[in-house]
Amino acid sequence: MPATPGNHQYNSSYRGAYSRKTAKISSATVERGEWVAQAKCRNGDPDALFVRGAEQRKAALICRHCPVVLECCADALDNEVEFGVWGGLTERQRRAILRKNPHVTDWASYLSNGGEL
């Protein structure tokens, strides 16, 4: 199920969901995983987030107004999750972000301190 490898740029149209100045991540919430219970996708079909190709962009729309999109994104990046849409990011986008930011070891802290993807 992995996407075709290549040199893919992060799609800046998703950037707005992560660079909101009011967005804060509670590290205690991230550590305990409590954010999962608040996720917009929690009651949906999990298969909807594990799709291929262009369908991933549609799946990412589910995350657009999620109250814990930053926590989900940080968790996926910290754990280098390979498959599915997490925190509004596709597999390719997460790989590109990780390559671009090899110095980041704690994505929750990085994003809550204003770090950009």
PDB file of N, CA and C in Angstrom:
ATOM      1  N   MET A   1       0.789  -1.202   0.000  1.00  0.00           N
ATOM      2  CA  MET A   1       0.000   0.000   0.000  1.00  0.00           C
ATOM      3  C   MET A   1       0.838   1.276   0.000  1.00  0.00           C
ATOM      4  N   PRO A   2       2.162   1.232   0.084  1.00  0.00           N
ATOM      5  CA  PRO A   2       2.923   2.467   0.077  1.00  0.00           C
ATOM      6  C   PRO A   2       2.815   3.191  -1.251  1.00  0.00           C
ATOM      7  N   ALA A   3       2.887   4.498  -1.169  1.00  0.00           N
ATOM      8  CA  ALA A   3       2.837   5.315  -2.376  1.00  0.00           C
ATOM      9  C   ALA A   3       4.153   5.173  -3.127  1.00  0.00           C
ATOM     10  N   THR A   4       4.128   5.519  -4.383  1.00  0.00           N
ATOM     11  CA  THR A   4       5.324   5.452  -5.204  1.00  0.00           C
ATOM     12  C   THR A   4       6.357   6.434  -4.672  1.00  0.00           C
ATOM     13  N   PRO A   5       7.590   5.979  -4.428  1.00  0.00           N
ATOM     14  CA  PRO A   5       8.605   6.894  -3.924  1.00  0.00           C
ATOM     15  C   PRO A   5       8.969   7.937  -4.968  1.00  0.00           C
ATOM     16  N   GLY A   6       9.408   9.059  -4.507  1.00  0.00           N
ATOM     17  CA  GLY A   6       9.830  10.109  -5.414  1.00  0.00           C
ATOM     18  C   GLY A   6      10.066  11.397  -4.660  1.00  0.00           C
ATOM     19  N   ASN A   7      10.382  12.427  -5.372  1.00  0.00           N
ATOM     20  CA  ASN A   7      10.632  13.715  -4.762  1.00  0.00           C
ATOM     21  C   ASN A   7       9.345  14.524  -4.808  1.00  0.00           C
ATOM     22  N   HIS A   8       8.591  14.492  -3.739  1.00  0.00           N
ATOM     23  CA  HIS A   8       7.296  15.167  -3.695  1.00  0.00           C
ATOM     24  C   HIS A   8       7.361  16.325  -2.715  1.00  0.00           C
ATOM     25  N   GLN A   9       6.843  17.436  -3.104  1.00  0.00           N
ATOM     26  CA  GLN A   9       6.828  18.606  -2.248  1.00  0.00           C
ATOM     27  C   GLN A   9       5.579  18.609  -1.385  1.00  0.00           C
ATOM     28  N   TYR A  10       5.694  19.186  -0.200  1.00  0.00           N
ATOM     29  CA  TYR A  10       4.556  19.340   0.692  1.00  0.00           C
ATOM     30  C   TYR A  10       3.561  20.290   0.039  1.00  0.00           C
ATOM     31  N   ASN A  11       2.312  19.918   0.039  1.00  0.00           N
ATOM     32  CA  ASN A  11       1.263  20.730  -0.565  1.00  0.00           C
ATOM     33  C   ASN A  11       0.882  21.835   0.406  1.00  0.00           C
ATOM     34  N   SER A  12       1.245  23.061   0.092  1.00  0.00           N
ATOM     35  CA  SER A  12       1.024  24.176   1.006  1.00  0.00           C
ATOM     36  C   SER A  12      -0.447  24.453   1.272  1.00  0.00           C
ATOM     37  N   SER A  13      -1.356  23.873   0.514  1.00  0.00           N
ATOM     38  CA  SER A  13      -2.775  24.111   0.771  1.00  0.00           C
ATOM     39  C   SER A  13      -3.206  23.516   2.100  1.00  0.00           C
ATOM     40  N   TYR A  14      -2.414  22.606   2.657  1.00  0.00           N
ATOM     41  CA  TYR A  14      -2.730  22.018   3.952  1.00  0.00           C
ATOM     42  C   TYR A  14      -2.087  22.785   5.096  1.00  0.00           C
ATOM     43  N   ARG A  15      -1.174  23.669   4.780  1.00  0.00           N
ATOM     44  CA  ARG A  15      -0.403  24.370   5.801  1.00  0.00           C
ATOM     45  C   ARG A  15      -1.285  25.146   6.779  1.00  0.00           C
ATOM     46  N   GLY A  16      -2.365  25.746   6.326  1.00  0.00           N
ATOM     47  CA  GLY A  16      -3.206  26.553   7.195  1.00  0.00           C
ATOM     48  C   GLY A  16      -3.739  25.809   8.402  1.00  0.00           C
ATOM     49  N   ALA A  17      -3.950  24.549   8.283  1.00  0.00           N
ATOM     50  CA  ALA A  17      -4.470  23.771   9.402  1.00  0.00           C
ATOM     51  C   ALA A  17      -3.454  23.657  10.523  1.00  0.00           C
ATOM     52  N   TYR A  18      -2.188  23.889  10.255  1.00  0.00           N
ATOM     53  CA  TYR A  18      -1.147  23.664  11.247  1.00  0.00           C
ATOM     54  C   TYR A  18      -0.453  24.919  11.722  1.00  0.00           C
ATOM     55  N   SER A  19      -0.619  26.016  11.030  1.00  0.00           N
ATOM     56  CA  SER A  19       0.108  27.216  11.413  1.00  0.00           C
ATOM     57  C   SER A  19      -0.783  28.243  12.108  1.00  0.00           C
ATOM     58  N   ARG A  20      -1.953  27.820  12.532  1.00  0.00           N
ATOM     59  CA  ARG A  20      -2.833  28.742  13.241  1.00  0.00           C
ATOM     60  C   ARG A  20      -2.153  29.209  14.523  1.00  0.00           C
ATOM     61  N   LYS A  21      -2.112  30.500  14.749  1.00  0.00           N
ATOM     62  CA  LYS A  21      -1.443  31.030  15.934  1.00  0.00           C
ATOM     63  C   LYS A  21      -2.139  30.606  17.218  1.00  0.00           C
ATOM     64  N   THR A  22      -3.420  30.329  17.155  1.00  0.00           N
ATOM     65  CA  THR A  22      -4.162  29.956  18.354  1.00  0.00           C
ATOM     66  C   THR A  22      -4.042  28.479  18.681  1.00  0.00           C
ATOM     67  N   ALA A  23      -3.481  27.707  17.783  1.00  0.00           N
ATOM     68  CA  ALA A  23      -3.393  26.258  17.997  1.00  0.00           C
ATOM     69  C   ALA A  23      -2.337  25.944  19.045  1.00  0.00           C
ATOM     70  N   LYS A  24      -2.723  25.157  20.012  1.00  0.00           N
ATOM     71  CA  LYS A  24      -1.806  24.713  21.059  1.00  0.00           C
ATOM     72  C   LYS A  24      -1.973  23.219  21.239  1.00  0.00           C
ATOM     73  N   ILE A  25      -0.889  22.563  21.533  1.00  0.00           N
ATOM     74  CA  ILE A  25      -0.926  21.134  21.805  1.00  0.00           C
ATOM     75  C   ILE A  25      -0.559  20.942  23.263  1.00  0.00           C
ATOM     76  N   SER A  26      -1.374  20.214  23.974  1.00  0.00           N
ATOM     77  CA  SER A  26      -1.067  19.868  25.349  1.00  0.00           C
ATOM     78  C   SER A  26      -0.225  18.605  25.338  1.00  0.00           C
ATOM     79  N   SER A  27       1.016  18.697  25.823  1.00  0.00           N
ATOM     80  CA  SER A  27       1.880  17.516  25.807  1.00  0.00           C
ATOM     81  C   SER A  27       1.315  16.413  26.682  1.00  0.00           C
ATOM     82  N   ALA A  28       0.622  16.764  27.757  1.00  0.00           N
ATOM     83  CA  ALA A  28       0.009  15.738  28.608  1.00  0.00           C
ATOM     84  C   ALA A  28      -1.062  14.992  27.830  1.00  0.00           C
ATOM     85  N   THR A  29      -1.830  15.722  27.034  1.00  0.00           N
ATOM     86  CA  THR A  29      -2.867  15.089  26.227  1.00  0.00           C
ATOM     87  C   THR A  29      -2.247  14.161  25.200  1.00  0.00           C
ATOM     88  N   VAL A  30      -1.172  14.608  24.568  1.00  0.00           N
ATOM     89  CA  VAL A  30      -0.511  13.789  23.555  1.00  0.00           C
ATOM     90  C   VAL A  30       0.063  12.532  24.187  1.00  0.00           C
ATOM     91  N   GLU A  31       0.729  12.672  25.324  1.00  0.00           N
ATOM     92  CA  GLU A  31       1.343  11.525  25.982  1.00  0.00           C
ATOM     93  C   GLU A  31       0.316  10.473  26.362  1.00  0.00           C
ATOM     94  N   ARG A  32      -0.814  10.893  26.862  1.00  0.00           N
ATOM     95  CA  ARG A  32      -1.833   9.941  27.301  1.00  0.00           C
ATOM     96  C   ARG A  32      -2.696   9.459  26.150  1.00  0.00           C
ATOM     97  N   GLY A  33      -2.571  10.089  25.007  1.00  0.00           N
ATOM     98  CA  GLY A  33      -3.372   9.672  23.863  1.00  0.00           C
ATOM     99  C   GLY A  33      -4.836  10.049  23.987  1.00  0.00           C
ATOM    100  N   GLU A  34      -5.144  10.963  24.883  1.00  0.00           N
ATOM    101  CA  GLU A  34      -6.537  11.364  25.082  1.00  0.00           C
ATOM    102  C   GLU A  34      -7.116  12.076  23.870  1.00  0.00           C
ATOM    103  N   TRP A  35      -6.262  12.579  23.026  1.00  0.00           N
ATOM    104  CA  TRP A  35      -6.743  13.305  21.855  1.00  0.00           C
ATOM    105  C   TRP A  35      -7.564  12.406  20.941  1.00  0.00           C
ATOM    106  N   VAL A  36      -7.298  11.116  20.965  1.00  0.00           N
ATOM    107  CA  VAL A  36      -7.992  10.181  20.073  1.00  0.00           C
ATOM    108  C   VAL A  36      -9.501  10.225  20.307  1.00  0.00           C
ATOM    109  N   ALA A  37      -9.915  10.356  21.553  1.00  0.00           N
ATOM    110  CA  ALA A  37     -11.344  10.388  21.883  1.00  0.00           C
ATOM    111  C   ALA A  37     -12.025  11.645  21.354  1.00  0.00           C
ATOM    112  N   GLN A  38     -11.241  12.675  21.037  1.00  0.00           N
ATOM    113  CA  GLN A  38     -11.802  13.927  20.534  1.00  0.00           C
ATOM    114  C   GLN A  38     -11.712  14.051  19.015  1.00  0.00           C
ATOM    115  N   ALA A  39     -11.108  13.079  18.376  1.00  0.00           N
ATOM    116  CA  ALA A  39     -10.886  13.144  16.929  1.00  0.00           C
ATOM    117  C   ALA A  39     -12.199  13.104  16.159  1.00  0.00           C
ATOM    118  N   LYS A  40     -12.282  13.911  15.145  1.00  0.00           N
ATOM    119  CA  LYS A  40     -13.474  13.980  14.298  1.00  0.00           C
ATOM    120  C   LYS A  40     -13.747  12.644  13.603  1.00  0.00           C
ATOM    121  N   CYS A  41     -12.707  11.877  13.350  1.00  0.00           N
ATOM    122  CA  CYS A  41     -12.846  10.612  12.624  1.00  0.00           C
ATOM    123  C   CYS A  41     -13.137   9.420  13.534  1.00  0.00           C
ATOM    124  N   ARG A  42     -13.224   9.628  14.833  1.00  0.00           N
ATOM    125  CA  ARG A  42     -13.305   8.515  15.789  1.00  0.00           C
ATOM    126  C   ARG A  42     -14.474   7.571  15.549  1.00  0.00           C
ATOM    127  N   ASN A  43     -15.583   8.060  15.033  1.00  0.00           N
ATOM    128  CA  ASN A  43     -16.754   7.210  14.809  1.00  0.00           C
ATOM    129  C   ASN A  43     -16.958   6.848  13.342  1.00  0.00           C
ATOM    130  N   GLY A  44     -16.045   7.292  12.502  1.00  0.00           N
ATOM    131  CA  GLY A  44     -16.169   7.011  11.071  1.00  0.00           C
ATOM    132  C   GLY A  44     -15.560   5.677  10.693  1.00  0.00           C
ATOM    133  N   ASP A  45     -15.647   5.376   9.432  1.00  0.00           N
ATOM    134  CA  ASP A  45     -15.069   4.152   8.887  1.00  0.00           C
ATOM    135  C   ASP A  45     -13.556   4.331   8.789  1.00  0.00           C
ATOM    136  N   PRO A  46     -12.772   3.560   9.537  1.00  0.00           N
ATOM    137  CA  PRO A  46     -11.320   3.728   9.485  1.00  0.00           C
ATOM    138  C   PRO A  46     -10.737   3.496   8.094  1.00  0.00           C
ATOM    139  N   ASP A  47     -11.383   2.668   7.297  1.00  0.00           N
ATOM    140  CA  ASP A  47     -10.890   2.413   5.942  1.00  0.00           C
ATOM    141  C   ASP A  47     -10.912   3.672   5.080  1.00  0.00           C
ATOM    142  N   ALA A  48     -11.739   4.649   5.443  1.00  0.00           N
ATOM    143  CA  ALA A  48     -11.823   5.892   4.675  1.00  0.00           C
ATOM    144  C   ALA A  48     -10.515   6.677   4.732  1.00  0.00           C
ATOM    145  N   LEU A  49      -9.693   6.427   5.743  1.00  0.00           N
ATOM    146  CA  LEU A  49      -8.425   7.134   5.890  1.00  0.00           C
ATOM    147  C   LEU A  49      -7.235   6.334   5.369  1.00  0.00           C
ATOM    148  N   PHE A  50      -7.490   5.128   4.914  1.00  0.00           N
ATOM    149  CA  PHE A  50      -6.428   4.268   4.395  1.00  0.00           C
ATOM    150  C   PHE A  50      -6.713   3.949   2.933  1.00  0.00           C
ATOM    151  N   VAL A  51      -6.585   4.989   2.118  1.00  0.00           N
ATOM    152  CA  VAL A  51      -6.870   4.894   0.688  1.00  0.00           C
ATOM    153  C   VAL A  51      -5.603   5.235  -0.091  1.00  0.00           C
ATOM    154  N   ARG A  52      -5.654   5.039  -1.387  1.00  0.00           N
ATOM    155  CA  ARG A  52      -4.484   5.278  -2.240  1.00  0.00           C
ATOM    156  C   ARG A  52      -4.671   6.487  -3.140  1.00  0.00           C
ATOM    157  N   GLY A  53      -3.566   6.996  -3.607  1.00  0.00           N
ATOM    158  CA  GLY A  53      -3.556   8.025  -4.640  1.00  0.00           C
ATOM    159  C   GLY A  53      -4.363   9.262  -4.309  1.00  0.00           C
ATOM    160  N   ALA A  54      -5.097   9.735  -5.311  1.00  0.00           N
ATOM    161  CA  ALA A  54      -5.871  10.972  -5.184  1.00  0.00           C
ATOM    162  C   ALA A  54      -6.936  10.884  -4.101  1.00  0.00           C
ATOM    163  N   GLU A  55      -7.362   9.692  -3.768  1.00  0.00           N
ATOM    164  CA  GLU A  55      -8.365   9.524  -2.712  1.00  0.00           C
ATOM    165  C   GLU A  55      -7.840  10.010  -1.364  1.00  0.00           C
ATOM    166  N   GLN A  56      -6.520  10.050  -1.196  1.00  0.00           N
ATOM    167  CA  GLN A  56      -5.949  10.529   0.059  1.00  0.00           C
ATOM    168  C   GLN A  56      -6.271  12.000   0.291  1.00  0.00           C
ATOM    169  N   ARG A  57      -6.282  12.771  -0.767  1.00  0.00           N
ATOM    170  CA  ARG A  57      -6.611  14.196  -0.607  1.00  0.00           C
ATOM    171  C   ARG A  57      -8.052  14.367  -0.128  1.00  0.00           C
ATOM    172  N   LYS A  58      -8.943  13.541  -0.644  1.00  0.00           N
ATOM    173  CA  LYS A  58     -10.337  13.582  -0.188  1.00  0.00           C
ATOM    174  C   LYS A  58     -10.416  13.160   1.268  1.00  0.00           C
ATOM    175  N   ALA A  59      -9.681  12.124   1.617  1.00  0.00           N
ATOM    176  CA  ALA A  59      -9.684  11.636   2.997  1.00  0.00           C
ATOM    177  C   ALA A  59      -9.161  12.708   3.949  1.00  0.00           C
ATOM    178  N   ALA A  60      -8.185  13.477   3.516  1.00  0.00           N
ATOM    179  CA  ALA A  60      -7.604  14.520   4.358  1.00  0.00           C
ATOM    180  C   ALA A  60      -8.613  15.613   4.693  1.00  0.00           C
ATOM    181  N   LEU A  61      -9.643  15.757   3.888  1.00  0.00           N
ATOM    182  CA  LEU A  61     -10.672  16.761   4.169  1.00  0.00           C
ATOM    183  C   LEU A  61     -11.422  16.449   5.457  1.00  0.00           C
ATOM    184  N   ILE A  62     -11.469  15.185   5.840  1.00  0.00           N
ATOM    185  CA  ILE A  62     -12.108  14.796   7.099  1.00  0.00           C
ATOM    186  C   ILE A  62     -11.424  15.516   8.256  1.00  0.00           C
ATOM    187  N   CYS A  63     -10.130  15.730   8.140  1.00  0.00           N
ATOM    188  CA  CYS A  63      -9.335  16.326   9.213  1.00  0.00           C
ATOM    189  C   CYS A  63      -9.442  17.849   9.275  1.00  0.00           C
ATOM    190  N   ARG A  64      -9.967  18.446   8.251  1.00  0.00           N
ATOM    191  CA  ARG A  64      -9.906  19.902   8.107  1.00  0.00           C
ATOM    192  C   ARG A  64     -10.374  20.676   9.343  1.00  0.00           C
ATOM    193  N   HIS A  65     -11.475  20.302   9.952  1.00  0.00           N
ATOM    194  CA  HIS A  65     -11.996  21.039  11.110  1.00  0.00           C
ATOM    195  C   HIS A  65     -11.926  20.210  12.385  1.00  0.00           C
ATOM    196  N   CYS A  66     -11.039  19.256  12.426  1.00  0.00           N
ATOM    197  CA  CYS A  66     -10.890  18.393  13.594  1.00  0.00           C
ATOM    198  C   CYS A  66     -10.229  19.181  14.731  1.00  0.00           C
ATOM    199  N   PRO A  67     -10.760  19.069  15.945  1.00  0.00           N
ATOM    200  CA  PRO A  67     -10.186  19.824  17.065  1.00  0.00           C
ATOM    201  C   PRO A  67      -8.811  19.323  17.510  1.00  0.00           C
ATOM    202  N   VAL A  68      -8.427  18.135  17.100  1.00  0.00           N
ATOM    203  CA  VAL A  68      -7.136  17.576  17.527  1.00  0.00           C
ATOM    204  C   VAL A  68      -6.233  17.248  16.336  1.00  0.00           C
ATOM    205  N   VAL A  69      -6.368  18.005  15.266  1.00  0.00           N
ATOM    206  CA  VAL A  69      -5.582  17.743  14.059  1.00  0.00           C
ATOM    207  C   VAL A  69      -4.079  17.857  14.342  1.00  0.00           C
ATOM    208  N   LEU A  70      -3.686  18.806  15.177  1.00  0.00           N
ATOM    209  CA  LEU A  70      -2.266  18.970  15.481  1.00  0.00           C
ATOM    210  C   LEU A  70      -1.722  17.802  16.295  1.00  0.00           C
ATOM    211  N   GLU A  71      -2.501  17.336  17.261  1.00  0.00           N
ATOM    212  CA  GLU A  71      -2.076  16.190  18.066  1.00  0.00           C
ATOM    213  C   GLU A  71      -1.922  14.946  17.204  1.00  0.00           C
ATOM    214  N   CYS A  72      -2.861  14.746  16.299  1.00  0.00           N
ATOM    215  CA  CYS A  72      -2.833  13.600  15.392  1.00  0.00           C
ATOM    216  C   CYS A  72      -1.620  13.684  14.469  1.00  0.00           C
ATOM    217  N   CYS A  73      -1.391  14.854  13.936  1.00  0.00           N
ATOM    218  CA  CYS A  73      -0.248  15.076  13.050  1.00  0.00           C
ATOM    219  C   CYS A  73       1.055  14.804  13.795  1.00  0.00           C
ATOM    220  N   ALA A  74       1.183  15.360  14.998  1.00  0.00           N
ATOM    221  CA  ALA A  74       2.398  15.173  15.797  1.00  0.00           C
ATOM    222  C   ALA A  74       2.627  13.703  16.115  1.00  0.00           C
ATOM    223  N   ASP A  75       1.569  13.003  16.470  1.00  0.00           N
ATOM    224  CA  ASP A  75       1.684  11.582  16.798  1.00  0.00           C
ATOM    225  C   ASP A  75       2.155  10.780  15.586  1.00  0.00           C
ATOM    226  N   ALA A  76       1.573  11.066  14.431  1.00  0.00           N
ATOM    227  CA  ALA A  76       1.954  10.345  13.210  1.00  0.00           C
ATOM    228  C   ALA A  76       3.404  10.624  12.829  1.00  0.00           C
ATOM    229  N   LEU A  77       3.841  11.864  12.978  1.00  0.00           N
ATOM    230  CA  LEU A  77       5.221  12.210  12.641  1.00  0.00           C
ATOM    231  C   LEU A  77       6.201  11.633  13.664  1.00  0.00           C
ATOM    232  N   ASP A  78       5.862  11.719  14.948  1.00  0.00           N
ATOM    233  CA  ASP A  78       6.736  11.157  15.988  1.00  0.00           C
ATOM    234  C   ASP A  78       6.937   9.661  15.807  1.00  0.00           C
ATOM    235  N   ASN A  79       5.886   8.978  15.390  1.00  0.00           N
ATOM    236  CA  ASN A  79       5.937   7.524  15.248  1.00  0.00           C
ATOM    237  C   ASN A  79       6.228   7.067  13.823  1.00  0.00           C
ATOM    238  N   GLU A  80       6.471   8.036  12.942  1.00  0.00           N
ATOM    239  CA  GLU A  80       6.771   7.753  11.532  1.00  0.00           C
ATOM    240  C   GLU A  80       5.770   6.771  10.927  1.00  0.00           C
ATOM    241  N   VAL A  81       4.490   7.078  11.134  1.00  0.00           N
ATOM    242  CA  VAL A  81       3.409   6.241  10.607  1.00  0.00           C
ATOM    243  C   VAL A  81       3.489   6.250   9.087  1.00  0.00           C
ATOM    244  N   GLU A  82       3.519   5.078   8.505  1.00  0.00           N
ATOM    245  CA  GLU A  82       3.731   4.960   7.060  1.00  0.00           C
ATOM    246  C   GLU A  82       2.459   5.020   6.236  1.00  0.00           C
ATOM    247  N   PHE A  83       1.358   4.540   6.761  1.00  0.00           N
ATOM    248  CA  PHE A  83       0.157   4.374   5.948  1.00  0.00           C
ATOM    249  C   PHE A  83      -1.000   5.218   6.452  1.00  0.00           C
ATOM    250  N   GLY A  84      -1.849   5.624   5.517  1.00  0.00           N
ATOM    251  CA  GLY A  84      -3.073   6.329   5.849  1.00  0.00           C
ATOM    252  C   GLY A  84      -2.900   7.827   5.967  1.00  0.00           C
ATOM    253  N   VAL A  85      -4.032   8.494   6.133  1.00  0.00           N
ATOM    254  CA  VAL A  85      -4.068   9.937   6.346  1.00  0.00           C
ATOM    255  C   VAL A  85      -4.146  10.164   7.853  1.00  0.00           C
ATOM    256  N   TRP A  86      -3.236  10.962   8.365  1.00  0.00           N
ATOM    257  CA  TRP A  86      -3.180  11.283   9.793  1.00  0.00           C
ATOM    258  C   TRP A  86      -2.951  12.780   9.930  1.00  0.00           C
ATOM    259  N   GLY A  87      -3.725  13.435  10.753  1.00  0.00           N
ATOM    260  CA  GLY A  87      -3.531  14.862  10.970  1.00  0.00           C
ATOM    261  C   GLY A  87      -3.653  15.680   9.709  1.00  0.00           C
ATOM    262  N   GLY A  88      -4.448  15.209   8.769  1.00  0.00           N
ATOM    263  CA  GLY A  88      -4.650  15.924   7.519  1.00  0.00           C
ATOM    264  C   GLY A  88      -3.536  15.756   6.507  1.00  0.00           C
ATOM    265  N   LEU A  89      -2.580  14.893   6.798  1.00  0.00           N
ATOM    266  CA  LEU A  89      -1.439  14.701   5.905  1.00  0.00           C
ATOM    267  C   LEU A  89      -1.460  13.318   5.270  1.00  0.00           C
ATOM    268  N   THR A  90      -1.125  13.286   4.003  1.00  0.00           N
ATOM    269  CA  THR A  90      -1.025  12.015   3.287  1.00  0.00           C
ATOM    270  C   THR A  90       0.325  11.370   3.598  1.00  0.00           C
ATOM    271  N   GLU A  91       0.477  10.156   3.150  1.00  0.00           N
ATOM    272  CA  GLU A  91       1.732   9.423   3.347  1.00  0.00           C
ATOM    273  C   GLU A  91       2.913  10.196   2.756  1.00  0.00           C
ATOM    274  N   ARG A  92       2.759  10.667   1.543  1.00  0.00           N
ATOM    275  CA  ARG A  92       3.834  11.403   0.862  1.00  0.00           C
ATOM    276  C   ARG A  92       4.171  12.693   1.595  1.00  0.00           C
ATOM    277  N   GLN A  93       3.157  13.395   2.042  1.00  0.00           N
ATOM    278  CA  GLN A  93       3.401  14.654   2.743  1.00  0.00           C
ATOM    279  C   GLN A  93       4.186  14.423   4.030  1.00  0.00           C
ATOM    280  N   ARG A  94       3.809  13.381   4.777  1.00  0.00           N
ATOM    281  CA  ARG A  94       4.535  13.090   6.020  1.00  0.00           C
ATOM    282  C   ARG A  94       5.989  12.722   5.733  1.00  0.00           C
ATOM    283  N   ARG A  95       6.215  11.910   4.719  1.00  0.00           N
ATOM    284  CA  ARG A  95       7.595  11.539   4.376  1.00  0.00           C
ATOM    285  C   ARG A  95       8.412  12.780   4.004  1.00  0.00           C
ATOM    286  N   ALA A  96       7.830  13.670   3.221  1.00  0.00           N
ATOM    287  CA  ALA A  96       8.532  14.891   2.815  1.00  0.00           C
ATOM    288  C   ALA A  96       8.841  15.769   4.024  1.00  0.00           C
ATOM    289  N   ILE A  97       7.901  15.884   4.935  1.00  0.00           N
ATOM    290  CA  ILE A  97       8.102  16.696   6.142  1.00  0.00           C
ATOM    291  C   ILE A  97       9.216  16.102   7.000  1.00  0.00           C
ATOM    292  N   LEU A  98       9.219  14.791   7.155  1.00  0.00           N
ATOM    293  CA  LEU A  98      10.262  14.141   7.953  1.00  0.00           C
ATOM    294  C   LEU A  98      11.638  14.316   7.313  1.00  0.00           C
ATOM    295  N   ARG A  99      11.707  14.237   5.989  1.00  0.00           N
ATOM    296  CA  ARG A  99      12.989  14.447   5.294  1.00  0.00           C
ATOM    297  C   ARG A  99      13.465  15.890   5.445  1.00  0.00           C
ATOM    298  N   LYS A 100      12.529  16.814   5.384  1.00  0.00           N
ATOM    299  CA  LYS A 100      12.848  18.237   5.458  1.00  0.00           C
ATOM    300  C   LYS A 100      13.270  18.657   6.871  1.00  0.00           C
ATOM    301  N   ASN A 101      12.795  17.933   7.877  1.00  0.00           N
ATOM    302  CA  ASN A 101      13.022  18.313   9.273  1.00  0.00           C
ATOM    303  C   ASN A 101      13.629  17.171  10.090  1.00  0.00           C
ATOM    304  N   PRO A 102      14.790  16.659   9.710  1.00  0.00           N
ATOM    305  CA  PRO A 102      15.360  15.518  10.439  1.00  0.00           C
ATOM    306  C   PRO A 102      15.770  15.859  11.870  1.00  0.00           C
ATOM    307  N   HIS A 103      15.908  17.147  12.168  1.00  0.00           N
ATOM    308  CA  HIS A 103      16.317  17.590  13.498  1.00  0.00           C
ATOM    309  C   HIS A 103      15.186  17.523  14.529  1.00  0.00           C
ATOM    310  N   VAL A 104      13.944  17.451  14.088  1.00  0.00           N
ATOM    311  CA  VAL A 104      12.808  17.459  15.018  1.00  0.00           C
ATOM    312  C   VAL A 104      12.651  16.074  15.635  1.00  0.00           C
ATOM    313  N   THR A 105      12.686  16.035  16.971  1.00  0.00           N
ATOM    314  CA  THR A 105      12.528  14.764  17.681  1.00  0.00           C
ATOM    315  C   THR A 105      11.232  14.706  18.474  1.00  0.00           C
ATOM    316  N   ASP A 106      10.602  15.854  18.679  1.00  0.00           N
ATOM    317  CA  ASP A 106       9.335  15.917  19.419  1.00  0.00           C
ATOM    318  C   ASP A 106       8.400  16.845  18.646  1.00  0.00           C
ATOM    319  N   TRP A 107       7.568  16.244  17.802  1.00  0.00           N
ATOM    320  CA  TRP A 107       6.707  17.036  16.932  1.00  0.00           C
ATOM    321  C   TRP A 107       5.644  17.798  17.699  1.00  0.00           C
ATOM    322  N   ALA A 108       5.150  17.275  18.802  1.00  0.00           N
ATOM    323  CA  ALA A 108       4.145  17.995  19.592  1.00  0.00           C
ATOM    324  C   ALA A 108       4.734  19.311  20.092  1.00  0.00           C
ATOM    325  N   SER A 109       5.936  19.267  20.633  1.00  0.00           N
ATOM    326  CA  SER A 109       6.593  20.489  21.111  1.00  0.00           C
ATOM    327  C   SER A 109       6.901  21.430  19.955  1.00  0.00           C
ATOM    328  N   TYR A 110       7.409  20.874  18.884  1.00  0.00           N
ATOM    329  CA  TYR A 110       7.770  21.679  17.718  1.00  0.00           C
ATOM    330  C   TYR A 110       6.561  22.447  17.177  1.00  0.00           C
ATOM    331  N   LEU A 111       5.448  21.752  17.001  1.00  0.00           N
ATOM    332  CA  LEU A 111       4.257  22.399  16.448  1.00  0.00           C
ATOM    333  C   LEU A 111       3.624  23.368  17.439  1.00  0.00           C
ATOM    334  N   SER A 112       3.611  23.026  18.728  1.00  0.00           N
ATOM    335  CA  SER A 112       2.988  23.915  19.707  1.00  0.00           C
ATOM    336  C   SER A 112       3.815  25.173  19.930  1.00  0.00           C
ATOM    337  N   ASN A 113       5.098  25.128  19.587  1.00  0.00           N
ATOM    338  CA  ASN A 113       5.957  26.309  19.705  1.00  0.00           C
ATOM    339  C   ASN A 113       6.039  27.092  18.401  1.00  0.00           C
ATOM    340  N   GLY A 114       5.105  26.843  17.506  1.00  0.00           N
ATOM    341  CA  GLY A 114       5.024  27.618  16.278  1.00  0.00           C
ATOM    342  C   GLY A 114       5.812  27.067  15.112  1.00  0.00           C
ATOM    343  N   GLY A 115       6.359  25.869  15.255  1.00  0.00           N
ATOM    344  CA  GLY A 115       7.092  25.259  14.149  1.00  0.00           C
ATOM    345  C   GLY A 115       6.171  25.010  12.968  1.00  0.00           C
ATOM    346  N   GLU A 116       6.702  25.213  11.784  1.00  0.00           N
ATOM    347  CA  GLU A 116       5.896  25.016  10.577  1.00  0.00           C
ATOM    348  C   GLU A 116       6.298  23.748   9.859  1.00  0.00           C
ATOM    349  N   LEU A 117       5.337  23.220   9.131  1.00  0.00           N
ATOM    350  CA  LEU A 117       5.583  21.997   8.368  1.00  0.00           C
ATOM    351  C   LEU A 117       6.179  22.322   7.021  1.00  0.00           C
TER     352      LEU A 117
END
